[in-house]
Amino acid sequence: MNKYQDLKIWNKAMELVEKTYLLMKLLPDDEKFGLISQIKRCSVSIPSNIAEGAGRNSKNEFKHFLSITNGSTTELETQILLTVRLNLVDKKEIQEILNLCTEIRKMNYALQKSLS
């Protein structure tokens, strides 16, 4: 349907993955198979679902995957906020990621609306 690499939301989501992976380097090794793994998978699912939806055959299918993207974005925010509550990182270290999540959610909403 769309060339997903040209979508601004996909590029912003890829940036989010990069920033998330950098943040995960700050977490302790004993979280490698717990929170770190979960956060990484969650962040990767955001641009992946955008790409998969763009590759589908209809606007409705694309909107479905954008809905999943929105869920993954809020899931990632929750997990990132949890790192602060568990005293694994400082709040200032997650702000850029939270800002990207907010921006992606807004872009996602606008894209879904444009597909209606």
C-alpha atoms as a PDB file:
ATOM      1  CA  MET A   1       0.000   0.000   0.000  1.00  0.00           C
ATOM      2  CA  ASN A   2       2.642   2.525   1.046  1.00  0.00           C
ATOM      3  CA  LYS A   3       6.381   2.596   0.797  1.00  0.00           C
ATOM      4  CA  TYR A   4       6.861   2.386   4.544  1.00  0.00           C
ATOM      5  CA  GLN A   5      10.425   3.753   4.512  1.00  0.00           C
ATOM      6  CA  ASP A   6       9.006   7.068   3.290  1.00  0.00           C
ATOM      7  CA  LEU A   7       6.512   7.343   6.154  1.00  0.00           C
ATOM      8  CA  LYS A   8       7.519   9.964   8.726  1.00  0.00           C
ATOM      9  CA  ILE A   9       5.951   7.907  11.504  1.00  0.00           C
ATOM     10  CA  TRP A  10       8.041   4.854  10.564  1.00  0.00           C
ATOM     11  CA  ASN A  11      11.245   6.919  10.590  1.00  0.00           C
ATOM     12  CA  LYS A  12      10.318   8.460  13.943  1.00  0.00           C
ATOM     13  CA  ALA A  13       9.623   4.960  15.299  1.00  0.00           C
ATOM     14  CA  MET A  14      13.026   3.773  14.092  1.00  0.00           C
ATOM     15  CA  GLU A  15      14.596   6.687  15.975  1.00  0.00           C
ATOM     16  CA  LEU A  16      12.653   5.587  19.045  1.00  0.00           C
ATOM     17  CA  VAL A  17      14.125   2.084  18.782  1.00  0.00           C
ATOM     18  CA  GLU A  18      17.654   3.506  18.571  1.00  0.00           C
ATOM     19  CA  LYS A  19      17.134   5.723  21.638  1.00  0.00           C
ATOM     20  CA  THR A  20      15.545   2.849  23.535  1.00  0.00           C
ATOM     21  CA  TYR A  21      18.453   0.515  22.826  1.00  0.00           C
ATOM     22  CA  LEU A  22      20.888   3.167  24.047  1.00  0.00           C
ATOM     23  CA  LEU A  23      18.891   3.573  27.272  1.00  0.00           C
ATOM     24  CA  MET A  24      18.917  -0.193  27.829  1.00  0.00           C
ATOM     25  CA  LYS A  25      22.706  -0.090  28.037  1.00  0.00           C
ATOM     26  CA  LEU A  26      22.280   1.833  31.304  1.00  0.00           C
ATOM     27  CA  LEU A  27      20.257  -0.917  32.960  1.00  0.00           C
ATOM     28  CA  PRO A  28      21.952  -3.572  35.090  1.00  0.00           C
ATOM     29  CA  ASP A  29      22.939  -6.894  33.536  1.00  0.00           C
ATOM     30  CA  ASP A  30      20.583  -8.799  35.801  1.00  0.00           C
ATOM     31  CA  GLU A  31      17.685  -7.247  33.826  1.00  0.00           C
ATOM     32  CA  LYS A  32      19.033  -8.640  30.532  1.00  0.00           C
ATOM     33  CA  PHE A  33      16.447 -11.411  30.290  1.00  0.00           C
ATOM     34  CA  GLY A  34      13.675  -9.479  32.021  1.00  0.00           C
ATOM     35  CA  LEU A  35      12.860  -5.854  31.537  1.00  0.00           C
ATOM     36  CA  ILE A  36      15.586  -5.134  28.967  1.00  0.00           C
ATOM     37  CA  SER A  37      14.424  -7.923  26.678  1.00  0.00           C
ATOM     38  CA  GLN A  38      10.777  -6.915  27.029  1.00  0.00           C
ATOM     39  CA  ILE A  39      11.468  -3.235  26.348  1.00  0.00           C
ATOM     40  CA  LYS A  40      13.593  -3.984  23.301  1.00  0.00           C
ATOM     41  CA  ARG A  41      10.963  -6.287  21.804  1.00  0.00           C
ATOM     42  CA  CYS A  42       8.253  -3.751  22.484  1.00  0.00           C
ATOM     43  CA  SER A  43      10.171  -0.887  20.880  1.00  0.00           C
ATOM     44  CA  VAL A  44      10.956  -2.947  17.778  1.00  0.00           C
ATOM     45  CA  SER A  45       7.294  -3.861  17.390  1.00  0.00           C
ATOM     46  CA  ILE A  46       6.360  -0.206  16.827  1.00  0.00           C
ATOM     47  CA  PRO A  47       8.073   0.375  13.449  1.00  0.00           C
ATOM     48  CA  SER A  48       7.511  -3.286  12.563  1.00  0.00           C
ATOM     49  CA  ASN A  49       3.738  -2.965  12.847  1.00  0.00           C
ATOM     50  CA  ILE A  50       3.770   0.259  10.858  1.00  0.00           C
ATOM     51  CA  ALA A  51       5.712  -1.490   8.100  1.00  0.00           C
ATOM     52  CA  GLU A  52       3.512  -4.574   8.177  1.00  0.00           C
ATOM     53  CA  GLY A  53       0.352  -2.485   8.013  1.00  0.00           C
ATOM     54  CA  ALA A  54       1.708  -0.424   5.124  1.00  0.00           C
ATOM     55  CA  GLY A  55       2.410  -3.648   3.271  1.00  0.00           C
ATOM     56  CA  ARG A  56      -1.155  -4.923   3.595  1.00  0.00           C
ATOM     57  CA  ASN A  57      -3.764  -4.799   0.863  1.00  0.00           C
ATOM     58  CA  SER A  58      -6.290  -2.380   2.329  1.00  0.00           C
ATOM     59  CA  LYS A  59      -6.654   0.773   4.362  1.00  0.00           C
ATOM     60  CA  ASN A  60      -8.602  -1.159   6.998  1.00  0.00           C
ATOM     61  CA  GLU A  61      -5.753  -3.615   7.461  1.00  0.00           C
ATOM     62  CA  PHE A  62      -3.286  -0.736   7.699  1.00  0.00           C
ATOM     63  CA  LYS A  63      -5.481   0.945  10.335  1.00  0.00           C
ATOM     64  CA  HIS A  64      -5.593  -2.334  12.288  1.00  0.00           C
ATOM     65  CA  PHE A  65      -1.794  -2.474  12.461  1.00  0.00           C
ATOM     66  CA  LEU A  66      -1.642   1.209  13.395  1.00  0.00           C
ATOM     67  CA  SER A  67      -3.954   0.372  16.278  1.00  0.00           C
ATOM     68  CA  ILE A  68      -1.524  -2.328  17.386  1.00  0.00           C
ATOM     69  CA  THR A  69       1.273   0.231  17.025  1.00  0.00           C
ATOM     70  CA  ASN A  70      -0.549   2.561  19.390  1.00  0.00           C
ATOM     71  CA  GLY A  71      -0.883  -0.218  21.946  1.00  0.00           C
ATOM     72  CA  SER A  72       2.811  -1.031  21.686  1.00  0.00           C
ATOM     73  CA  THR A  73       3.696   2.640  22.103  1.00  0.00           C
ATOM     74  CA  THR A  74       1.753   2.950  25.343  1.00  0.00           C
ATOM     75  CA  GLU A  75       3.169  -0.388  26.505  1.00  0.00           C
ATOM     76  CA  LEU A  76       6.681   0.936  25.893  1.00  0.00           C
ATOM     77  CA  GLU A  77       5.916   4.126  27.822  1.00  0.00           C
ATOM     78  CA  THR A  78       4.729   2.051  30.767  1.00  0.00           C
ATOM     79  CA  GLN A  79       7.848  -0.089  30.759  1.00  0.00           C
ATOM     80  CA  ILE A  80      10.119   2.948  30.439  1.00  0.00           C
ATOM     81  CA  LEU A  81       8.343   4.641  33.354  1.00  0.00           C
ATOM     82  CA  LEU A  82       8.820   1.447  35.330  1.00  0.00           C
ATOM     83  CA  THR A  83      12.607   1.768  34.961  1.00  0.00           C
ATOM     84  CA  VAL A  84      12.388   5.036  36.895  1.00  0.00           C
ATOM     85  CA  ARG A  85      10.063   3.620  39.549  1.00  0.00           C
ATOM     86  CA  LEU A  86      12.515   0.749  40.050  1.00  0.00           C
ATOM     87  CA  ASN A  87      15.367   3.279  40.396  1.00  0.00           C
ATOM     88  CA  LEU A  88      17.205   1.821  37.402  1.00  0.00           C
ATOM     89  CA  VAL A  89      17.520   5.198  35.619  1.00  0.00           C
ATOM     90  CA  ASP A  90      16.769   8.849  36.359  1.00  0.00           C
ATOM     91  CA  LYS A  91      13.644  10.472  34.990  1.00  0.00           C
ATOM     92  CA  LYS A  92      15.714  12.888  32.885  1.00  0.00           C
ATOM     93  CA  GLU A  93      17.229   9.916  31.044  1.00  0.00           C
ATOM     94  CA  ILE A  94      13.842   8.743  29.767  1.00  0.00           C
ATOM     95  CA  GLN A  95      12.325  12.103  28.800  1.00  0.00           C
ATOM     96  CA  GLU A  96      13.463  11.976  25.164  1.00  0.00           C
ATOM     97  CA  ILE A  97      11.930   8.525  24.737  1.00  0.00           C
ATOM     98  CA  LEU A  98       8.667   9.633  26.336  1.00  0.00           C
ATOM     99  CA  ASN A  99       8.578  12.663  24.037  1.00  0.00           C
ATOM    100  CA  LEU A 100       9.083  10.423  21.008  1.00  0.00           C
ATOM    101  CA  CYS A 101       6.285   8.137  22.184  1.00  0.00           C
ATOM    102  CA  THR A 102       3.935  11.095  22.463  1.00  0.00           C
ATOM    103  CA  GLU A 103       4.908  12.342  19.022  1.00  0.00           C
ATOM    104  CA  ILE A 104       4.431   8.884  17.493  1.00  0.00           C
ATOM    105  CA  ARG A 105       0.990   8.505  19.092  1.00  0.00           C
ATOM    106  CA  LYS A 106      -0.074  11.878  17.651  1.00  0.00           C
ATOM    107  CA  MET A 107       1.284  10.979  14.220  1.00  0.00           C
ATOM    108  CA  ASN A 108      -0.438   7.612  14.438  1.00  0.00           C
ATOM    109  CA  TYR A 109      -3.781   9.199  15.242  1.00  0.00           C
ATOM    110  CA  ALA A 110      -3.436  11.621  12.312  1.00  0.00           C
ATOM    111  CA  LEU A 111      -2.486   8.802   9.949  1.00  0.00           C
ATOM    112  CA  GLN A 112      -5.398   6.649  11.079  1.00  0.00           C
ATOM    113  CA  LYS A 113      -7.755   9.593  10.591  1.00  0.00           C
ATOM    114  CA  SER A 114      -6.420  10.187   7.088  1.00  0.00           C
ATOM    115  CA  LEU A 115      -7.151   6.559   6.193  1.00  0.00           C
ATOM    116  CA  SER A 116     -10.822   6.900   7.158  1.00  0.00           C
END
